[in-house]
Amino acid sequence: MTDITIYHNPKCGTSRNTLAMIRNSGVEPQVIEYLKTPPSREELLALVAAMGISLRDALRQKGTPYDELGLGNPALTDAQLLDAIEQHPILIQRPIVKTPLGVRLCRPSELVLDILPNPQQGPFTKEDGEVVVGKGGQHV
């Protein structure tokens, strides 16, 4: 059983790059496709608290019903935001990664490097061609 979990959307390039960097550290994480298996309200609130951000900061706007639902309204409570997230898990910003070293919203994907317990085992190039880990396994 791994002690690394990624809340993943396989259609998202940032999420795919993050997952690949976790695997490049020699670990097979627990992969939760959050659109199929969304975190509970309590799990999401715990993740947000561990990241040290607000629930509003964990919302994704692009490609979601954020604007249609009026979620930019600052008067909405966390309970109302959670209601919207329960109905539309696509509103959760991704990927979120949980490791023994912390929880992080990995945008950009290389932010995962700060919370991986194991070093990168080799070079890593993102899908867009950006090199983020050199031949020696160091972040560039």
N, C-alpha and C. Protein backbone atom coordinates (compact mmCIF):
# COMPACT_ATOMS: atom_id res chain seq x y z
N MET A 1 0.85 -1.19 0.00
CA MET A 1 0.00 0.00 0.00
C MET A 1 0.88 1.24 0.00
N THR A 2 0.60 2.15 -0.89
CA THR A 2 1.39 3.36 -1.00
C THR A 2 0.90 4.43 -0.03
N ASP A 3 1.79 5.33 0.33
CA ASP A 3 1.40 6.43 1.20
C ASP A 3 1.32 7.74 0.42
N ILE A 4 1.19 7.61 -0.90
CA ILE A 4 1.01 8.77 -1.77
C ILE A 4 -0.30 8.59 -2.53
N THR A 5 -1.11 9.64 -2.51
CA THR A 5 -2.40 9.63 -3.19
C THR A 5 -2.46 10.83 -4.12
N ILE A 6 -2.95 10.60 -5.33
CA ILE A 6 -3.19 11.69 -6.27
C ILE A 6 -4.67 11.68 -6.66
N TYR A 7 -5.29 12.85 -6.54
CA TYR A 7 -6.66 13.05 -7.03
C TYR A 7 -6.47 13.50 -8.48
N HIS A 8 -6.80 12.61 -9.39
CA HIS A 8 -6.33 12.68 -10.77
C HIS A 8 -7.48 12.78 -11.77
N ASN A 9 -7.21 13.52 -12.84
CA ASN A 9 -8.09 13.55 -14.00
C ASN A 9 -7.22 13.17 -15.20
N PRO A 10 -7.41 11.97 -15.75
CA PRO A 10 -6.55 11.52 -16.84
C PRO A 10 -6.66 12.37 -18.11
N LYS A 11 -7.66 13.21 -18.22
CA LYS A 11 -7.81 14.08 -19.39
C LYS A 11 -7.00 15.38 -19.24
N CYS A 12 -6.42 15.60 -18.07
CA CYS A 12 -5.70 16.84 -17.77
C CYS A 12 -4.20 16.60 -17.90
N GLY A 13 -3.53 17.38 -18.77
CA GLY A 13 -2.10 17.25 -18.96
C GLY A 13 -1.30 17.51 -17.69
N THR A 14 -1.70 18.50 -16.90
CA THR A 14 -0.99 18.79 -15.65
C THR A 14 -1.10 17.60 -14.71
N SER A 15 -2.26 17.00 -14.65
CA SER A 15 -2.47 15.83 -13.79
C SER A 15 -1.64 14.64 -14.29
N ARG A 16 -1.61 14.44 -15.60
CA ARG A 16 -0.81 13.33 -16.16
C ARG A 16 0.68 13.53 -15.88
N ASN A 17 1.17 14.77 -16.04
CA ASN A 17 2.57 15.06 -15.75
C ASN A 17 2.90 14.83 -14.28
N THR A 18 2.00 15.24 -13.40
CA THR A 18 2.22 15.05 -11.97
C THR A 18 2.29 13.57 -11.63
N LEU A 19 1.36 12.79 -12.15
CA LEU A 19 1.37 11.35 -11.92
C LEU A 19 2.66 10.73 -12.43
N ALA A 20 3.12 11.16 -13.59
CA ALA A 20 4.35 10.62 -14.16
C ALA A 20 5.56 10.96 -13.29
N MET A 21 5.59 12.14 -12.70
CA MET A 21 6.71 12.50 -11.82
C MET A 21 6.69 11.68 -10.54
N ILE A 22 5.50 11.39 -10.02
CA ILE A 22 5.40 10.52 -8.85
C ILE A 22 5.98 9.15 -9.21
N ARG A 23 5.57 8.62 -10.33
CA ARG A 23 6.08 7.32 -10.77
C ARG A 23 7.57 7.36 -11.05
N ASN A 24 8.08 8.50 -11.51
CA ASN A 24 9.51 8.66 -11.77
C ASN A 24 10.32 8.63 -10.48
N SER A 25 9.66 8.77 -9.34
CA SER A 25 10.35 8.67 -8.05
C SER A 25 10.35 7.22 -7.54
N GLY A 26 9.83 6.31 -8.35
CA GLY A 26 9.85 4.89 -7.99
C GLY A 26 8.65 4.44 -7.18
N VAL A 27 7.60 5.25 -7.16
CA VAL A 27 6.42 4.94 -6.36
C VAL A 27 5.20 4.82 -7.27
N GLU A 28 4.38 3.82 -6.99
CA GLU A 28 3.08 3.73 -7.66
C GLU A 28 2.05 4.25 -6.66
N PRO A 29 1.51 5.43 -6.91
CA PRO A 29 0.58 6.02 -5.94
C PRO A 29 -0.81 5.41 -6.02
N GLN A 30 -1.59 5.72 -5.00
CA GLN A 30 -3.02 5.44 -5.08
C GLN A 30 -3.59 6.53 -5.99
N VAL A 31 -4.21 6.13 -7.07
CA VAL A 31 -4.78 7.08 -8.03
C VAL A 31 -6.29 7.10 -7.84
N ILE A 32 -6.79 8.26 -7.48
CA ILE A 32 -8.23 8.44 -7.33
C ILE A 32 -8.70 9.34 -8.47
N GLU A 33 -9.45 8.77 -9.38
CA GLU A 33 -10.04 9.57 -10.45
C GLU A 33 -11.25 10.27 -9.83
N TYR A 34 -11.02 11.50 -9.39
CA TYR A 34 -12.01 12.20 -8.58
C TYR A 34 -13.31 12.49 -9.30
N LEU A 35 -13.32 12.44 -10.63
CA LEU A 35 -14.59 12.62 -11.33
C LEU A 35 -15.47 11.38 -11.19
N LYS A 36 -14.84 10.21 -11.04
CA LYS A 36 -15.58 8.96 -10.84
C LYS A 36 -15.83 8.70 -9.36
N THR A 37 -14.86 9.06 -8.52
CA THR A 37 -14.94 8.83 -7.08
C THR A 37 -14.54 10.12 -6.36
N PRO A 38 -15.46 11.07 -6.26
CA PRO A 38 -15.11 12.34 -5.63
C PRO A 38 -14.86 12.17 -4.13
N PRO A 39 -13.99 13.02 -3.57
CA PRO A 39 -13.81 12.98 -2.12
C PRO A 39 -15.10 13.44 -1.43
N SER A 40 -15.31 12.93 -0.24
CA SER A 40 -16.46 13.39 0.55
C SER A 40 -16.22 14.85 0.96
N ARG A 41 -17.25 15.47 1.45
CA ARG A 41 -17.12 16.86 1.93
C ARG A 41 -16.02 16.94 2.96
N GLU A 42 -16.02 15.98 3.90
CA GLU A 42 -15.04 15.98 4.99
C GLU A 42 -13.63 15.78 4.45
N GLU A 43 -13.48 14.85 3.49
CA GLU A 43 -12.15 14.61 2.89
C GLU A 43 -11.66 15.86 2.17
N LEU A 44 -12.53 16.49 1.40
CA LEU A 44 -12.14 17.68 0.66
C LEU A 44 -11.75 18.81 1.61
N LEU A 45 -12.53 19.01 2.66
CA LEU A 45 -12.19 20.05 3.63
C LEU A 45 -10.86 19.76 4.32
N ALA A 46 -10.59 18.49 4.61
CA ALA A 46 -9.31 18.11 5.23
C ALA A 46 -8.15 18.37 4.27
N LEU A 47 -8.33 18.06 2.99
CA LEU A 47 -7.28 18.32 1.99
C LEU A 47 -7.02 19.82 1.87
N VAL A 48 -8.08 20.60 1.80
CA VAL A 48 -7.95 22.05 1.67
C VAL A 48 -7.23 22.62 2.90
N ALA A 49 -7.61 22.16 4.08
CA ALA A 49 -6.95 22.63 5.31
C ALA A 49 -5.47 22.26 5.31
N ALA A 50 -5.16 21.04 4.89
CA ALA A 50 -3.77 20.58 4.86
C ALA A 50 -2.94 21.38 3.86
N MET A 51 -3.58 21.86 2.78
CA MET A 51 -2.87 22.67 1.79
C MET A 51 -2.72 24.11 2.25
N GLY A 52 -3.50 24.50 3.27
CA GLY A 52 -3.43 25.86 3.77
C GLY A 52 -4.06 26.87 2.83
N ILE A 53 -5.08 26.42 2.09
CA ILE A 53 -5.79 27.33 1.18
C ILE A 53 -7.27 27.34 1.55
N SER A 54 -8.00 28.26 0.96
CA SER A 54 -9.44 28.31 1.20
C SER A 54 -10.13 27.34 0.24
N LEU A 55 -11.34 26.96 0.57
CA LEU A 55 -12.11 26.11 -0.32
C LEU A 55 -12.29 26.81 -1.67
N ARG A 56 -12.50 28.09 -1.65
CA ARG A 56 -12.66 28.86 -2.89
C ARG A 56 -11.42 28.74 -3.77
N ASP A 57 -10.22 28.70 -3.14
CA ASP A 57 -8.97 28.56 -3.90
C ASP A 57 -8.84 27.18 -4.54
N ALA A 58 -9.61 26.22 -4.07
CA ALA A 58 -9.56 24.85 -4.61
C ALA A 58 -10.57 24.66 -5.74
N LEU A 59 -11.27 25.73 -6.11
CA LEU A 59 -12.26 25.64 -7.19
C LEU A 59 -11.61 25.90 -8.54
N ARG A 60 -12.02 25.12 -9.51
CA ARG A 60 -11.57 25.30 -10.89
C ARG A 60 -12.66 26.07 -11.64
N GLN A 61 -12.24 27.06 -12.40
CA GLN A 61 -13.20 27.85 -13.17
C GLN A 61 -13.27 27.40 -14.63
N LYS A 62 -12.11 27.23 -15.24
CA LYS A 62 -12.04 26.90 -16.67
C LYS A 62 -12.64 25.52 -16.95
N GLY A 63 -13.53 25.47 -17.93
CA GLY A 63 -14.11 24.19 -18.33
C GLY A 63 -15.07 23.59 -17.33
N THR A 64 -15.65 24.44 -16.49
CA THR A 64 -16.59 23.97 -15.46
C THR A 64 -17.83 24.86 -15.46
N PRO A 65 -18.86 24.50 -14.71
CA PRO A 65 -20.04 25.35 -14.59
C PRO A 65 -19.89 26.47 -13.55
N TYR A 66 -18.67 26.82 -13.21
CA TYR A 66 -18.39 27.84 -12.19
C TYR A 66 -19.18 29.13 -12.44
N ASP A 67 -19.06 29.69 -13.63
CA ASP A 67 -19.75 30.94 -13.93
C ASP A 67 -21.26 30.77 -13.97
N GLU A 68 -21.73 29.68 -14.60
CA GLU A 68 -23.17 29.42 -14.69
C GLU A 68 -23.81 29.35 -13.30
N LEU A 69 -23.06 28.77 -12.35
CA LEU A 69 -23.59 28.59 -10.99
C LEU A 69 -23.38 29.82 -10.12
N GLY A 70 -22.70 30.83 -10.65
CA GLY A 70 -22.48 32.06 -9.87
C GLY A 70 -21.53 31.86 -8.70
N LEU A 71 -20.56 30.96 -8.85
CA LEU A 71 -19.69 30.63 -7.72
C LEU A 71 -18.67 31.72 -7.41
N GLY A 72 -18.56 32.72 -8.26
CA GLY A 72 -17.69 33.86 -7.98
C GLY A 72 -18.28 34.81 -6.94
N ASN A 73 -19.52 34.59 -6.57
CA ASN A 73 -20.19 35.45 -5.59
C ASN A 73 -19.53 35.26 -4.23
N PRO A 74 -18.89 36.31 -3.69
CA PRO A 74 -18.18 36.18 -2.41
C PRO A 74 -19.11 35.92 -1.22
N ALA A 75 -20.40 36.12 -1.41
CA ALA A 75 -21.35 35.89 -0.31
C ALA A 75 -21.64 34.40 -0.09
N LEU A 76 -21.26 33.55 -1.05
CA LEU A 76 -21.52 32.11 -0.90
C LEU A 76 -20.68 31.53 0.23
N THR A 77 -21.30 30.69 1.00
CA THR A 77 -20.61 30.04 2.13
C THR A 77 -19.88 28.80 1.64
N ASP A 78 -18.98 28.29 2.50
CA ASP A 78 -18.30 27.04 2.16
C ASP A 78 -19.31 25.91 1.98
N ALA A 79 -20.36 25.90 2.77
CA ALA A 79 -21.39 24.86 2.64
C ALA A 79 -22.04 24.93 1.26
N GLN A 80 -22.30 26.14 0.77
CA GLN A 80 -22.89 26.29 -0.56
C GLN A 80 -21.90 25.87 -1.65
N LEU A 81 -20.63 26.20 -1.46
CA LEU A 81 -19.61 25.77 -2.42
C LEU A 81 -19.50 24.25 -2.43
N LEU A 82 -19.53 23.64 -1.26
CA LEU A 82 -19.46 22.18 -1.16
C LEU A 82 -20.67 21.53 -1.84
N ASP A 83 -21.85 22.14 -1.70
CA ASP A 83 -23.04 21.62 -2.40
C ASP A 83 -22.80 21.59 -3.90
N ALA A 84 -22.22 22.68 -4.44
CA ALA A 84 -21.94 22.75 -5.87
C ALA A 84 -20.91 21.71 -6.28
N ILE A 85 -19.88 21.53 -5.47
CA ILE A 85 -18.83 20.56 -5.77
C ILE A 85 -19.40 19.14 -5.76
N GLU A 86 -20.29 18.86 -4.82
CA GLU A 86 -20.91 17.53 -4.79
C GLU A 86 -21.68 17.23 -6.08
N GLN A 87 -22.34 18.25 -6.61
CA GLN A 87 -23.11 18.09 -7.84
C GLN A 87 -22.22 18.08 -9.09
N HIS A 88 -21.07 18.76 -8.99
CA HIS A 88 -20.18 18.94 -10.14
C HIS A 88 -18.72 18.77 -9.69
N PRO A 89 -18.24 17.54 -9.52
CA PRO A 89 -16.85 17.33 -9.04
C PRO A 89 -15.79 17.95 -9.95
N ILE A 90 -16.15 18.27 -11.20
CA ILE A 90 -15.20 18.92 -12.11
C ILE A 90 -14.76 20.27 -11.56
N LEU A 91 -15.48 20.78 -10.58
CA LEU A 91 -15.13 22.07 -9.96
C LEU A 91 -13.89 21.97 -9.07
N ILE A 92 -13.45 20.76 -8.75
CA ILE A 92 -12.26 20.60 -7.91
C ILE A 92 -11.02 20.84 -8.77
N GLN A 93 -10.19 21.76 -8.34
CA GLN A 93 -8.93 22.03 -9.02
C GLN A 93 -8.04 20.80 -8.89
N ARG A 94 -7.28 20.49 -9.93
CA ARG A 94 -6.46 19.28 -9.90
C ARG A 94 -5.09 19.56 -10.48
N PRO A 95 -4.18 18.65 -10.17
CA PRO A 95 -4.27 17.48 -9.29
C PRO A 95 -3.90 17.86 -7.86
N ILE A 96 -4.52 17.19 -6.93
CA ILE A 96 -4.14 17.31 -5.52
C ILE A 96 -3.37 16.05 -5.16
N VAL A 97 -2.22 16.23 -4.53
CA VAL A 97 -1.38 15.11 -4.14
C VAL A 97 -1.14 15.15 -2.64
N LYS A 98 -1.30 13.99 -2.02
CA LYS A 98 -1.08 13.84 -0.57
C LYS A 98 0.06 12.85 -0.37
N THR A 99 1.10 13.27 0.37
CA THR A 99 2.23 12.41 0.69
C THR A 99 2.54 12.57 2.17
N PRO A 100 3.47 11.77 2.70
CA PRO A 100 3.87 11.97 4.11
C PRO A 100 4.49 13.35 4.36
N LEU A 101 4.92 14.03 3.30
CA LEU A 101 5.55 15.35 3.45
C LEU A 101 4.57 16.50 3.27
N GLY A 102 3.31 16.20 2.99
CA GLY A 102 2.33 17.26 2.87
C GLY A 102 1.31 17.02 1.78
N VAL A 103 0.44 18.00 1.62
CA VAL A 103 -0.61 17.97 0.60
C VAL A 103 -0.42 19.22 -0.24
N ARG A 104 -0.53 19.05 -1.55
CA ARG A 104 -0.27 20.17 -2.44
C ARG A 104 -1.19 20.12 -3.64
N LEU A 105 -1.66 21.28 -4.05
CA LEU A 105 -2.31 21.44 -5.34
C LEU A 105 -1.17 21.64 -6.33
N CYS A 106 -0.96 20.68 -7.20
CA CYS A 106 0.23 20.65 -8.06
C CYS A 106 -0.01 21.32 -9.40
N ARG A 107 -0.15 22.62 -9.35
CA ARG A 107 -0.26 23.46 -10.53
C ARG A 107 0.78 24.55 -10.35
N PRO A 108 1.89 24.54 -11.04
CA PRO A 108 2.28 23.59 -12.08
C PRO A 108 2.67 22.23 -11.50
N SER A 109 2.73 21.26 -12.37
CA SER A 109 2.93 19.86 -11.96
C SER A 109 4.22 19.65 -11.17
N GLU A 110 5.27 20.41 -11.45
CA GLU A 110 6.53 20.18 -10.75
C GLU A 110 6.50 20.55 -9.27
N LEU A 111 5.42 21.17 -8.81
CA LEU A 111 5.28 21.42 -7.37
C LEU A 111 5.26 20.11 -6.58
N VAL A 112 4.90 19.01 -7.25
CA VAL A 112 4.89 17.72 -6.58
C VAL A 112 6.28 17.33 -6.09
N LEU A 113 7.32 17.81 -6.75
CA LEU A 113 8.69 17.44 -6.38
C LEU A 113 9.02 17.84 -4.94
N ASP A 114 8.39 18.91 -4.45
CA ASP A 114 8.65 19.38 -3.09
C ASP A 114 8.09 18.47 -2.00
N ILE A 115 7.15 17.60 -2.35
CA ILE A 115 6.52 16.76 -1.32
C ILE A 115 6.72 15.27 -1.56
N LEU A 116 7.56 14.91 -2.52
CA LEU A 116 7.83 13.49 -2.75
C LEU A 116 8.94 13.02 -1.82
N PRO A 117 8.71 11.94 -1.08
CA PRO A 117 9.74 11.44 -0.16
C PRO A 117 10.97 10.90 -0.87
N ASN A 118 10.81 10.36 -2.09
CA ASN A 118 11.93 9.77 -2.82
C ASN A 118 12.35 10.71 -3.94
N PRO A 119 13.65 10.74 -4.25
CA PRO A 119 14.12 11.57 -5.36
C PRO A 119 13.69 11.00 -6.71
N GLN A 120 13.76 11.83 -7.71
CA GLN A 120 13.49 11.38 -9.07
C GLN A 120 14.58 10.39 -9.48
N GLN A 121 14.19 9.36 -10.18
CA GLN A 121 15.13 8.30 -10.55
C GLN A 121 15.80 8.55 -11.90
N GLY A 122 15.41 9.60 -12.55
CA GLY A 122 16.00 9.93 -13.84
C GLY A 122 15.40 11.20 -14.38
N PRO A 123 15.77 11.57 -15.58
CA PRO A 123 15.24 12.81 -16.16
C PRO A 123 13.74 12.73 -16.39
N PHE A 124 13.13 13.91 -16.45
CA PHE A 124 11.70 13.96 -16.73
C PHE A 124 11.40 15.18 -17.57
N THR A 125 10.67 14.95 -18.65
CA THR A 125 10.23 16.01 -19.55
C THR A 125 8.71 15.98 -19.60
N LYS A 126 8.10 17.15 -19.39
CA LYS A 126 6.65 17.25 -19.45
C LYS A 126 6.15 16.99 -20.86
N GLU A 127 4.87 16.73 -20.97
CA GLU A 127 4.25 16.46 -22.27
C GLU A 127 4.49 17.57 -23.28
N ASP A 128 4.62 18.81 -22.79
CA ASP A 128 4.82 19.94 -23.69
C ASP A 128 6.28 20.14 -24.09
N GLY A 129 7.17 19.25 -23.62
CA GLY A 129 8.58 19.32 -23.96
C GLY A 129 9.45 20.02 -22.95
N GLU A 130 8.86 20.62 -21.90
CA GLU A 130 9.63 21.31 -20.87
C GLU A 130 10.35 20.29 -20.01
N VAL A 131 11.67 20.44 -19.88
CA VAL A 131 12.47 19.58 -19.03
C VAL A 131 12.37 20.11 -17.60
N VAL A 132 11.93 19.27 -16.66
CA VAL A 132 11.83 19.71 -15.26
C VAL A 132 12.77 18.94 -14.34
N VAL A 133 13.26 17.79 -14.78
CA VAL A 133 14.21 17.00 -13.99
C VAL A 133 15.35 16.60 -14.94
N GLY A 134 16.57 16.94 -14.50
CA GLY A 134 17.75 16.65 -15.31
C GLY A 134 18.19 15.19 -15.20
N LYS A 135 19.28 14.88 -15.90
CA LYS A 135 19.80 13.50 -15.97
C LYS A 135 20.13 12.94 -14.59
N GLY A 136 20.59 13.78 -13.68
CA GLY A 136 20.95 13.32 -12.34
C GLY A 136 19.77 13.25 -11.38
N GLY A 137 18.57 13.51 -11.88
CA GLY A 137 17.38 13.45 -11.03
C GLY A 137 17.08 14.73 -10.29
N GLN A 138 17.82 15.81 -10.58
CA GLN A 138 17.62 17.08 -9.88
C GLN A 138 16.63 17.96 -10.63
N HIS A 139 15.88 18.74 -9.88
CA HIS A 139 14.93 19.70 -10.47
C HIS A 139 15.72 20.80 -11.16
N VAL A 140 15.36 21.10 -12.41
CA VAL A 140 16.07 22.14 -13.17
C VAL A 140 15.24 23.41 -13.27
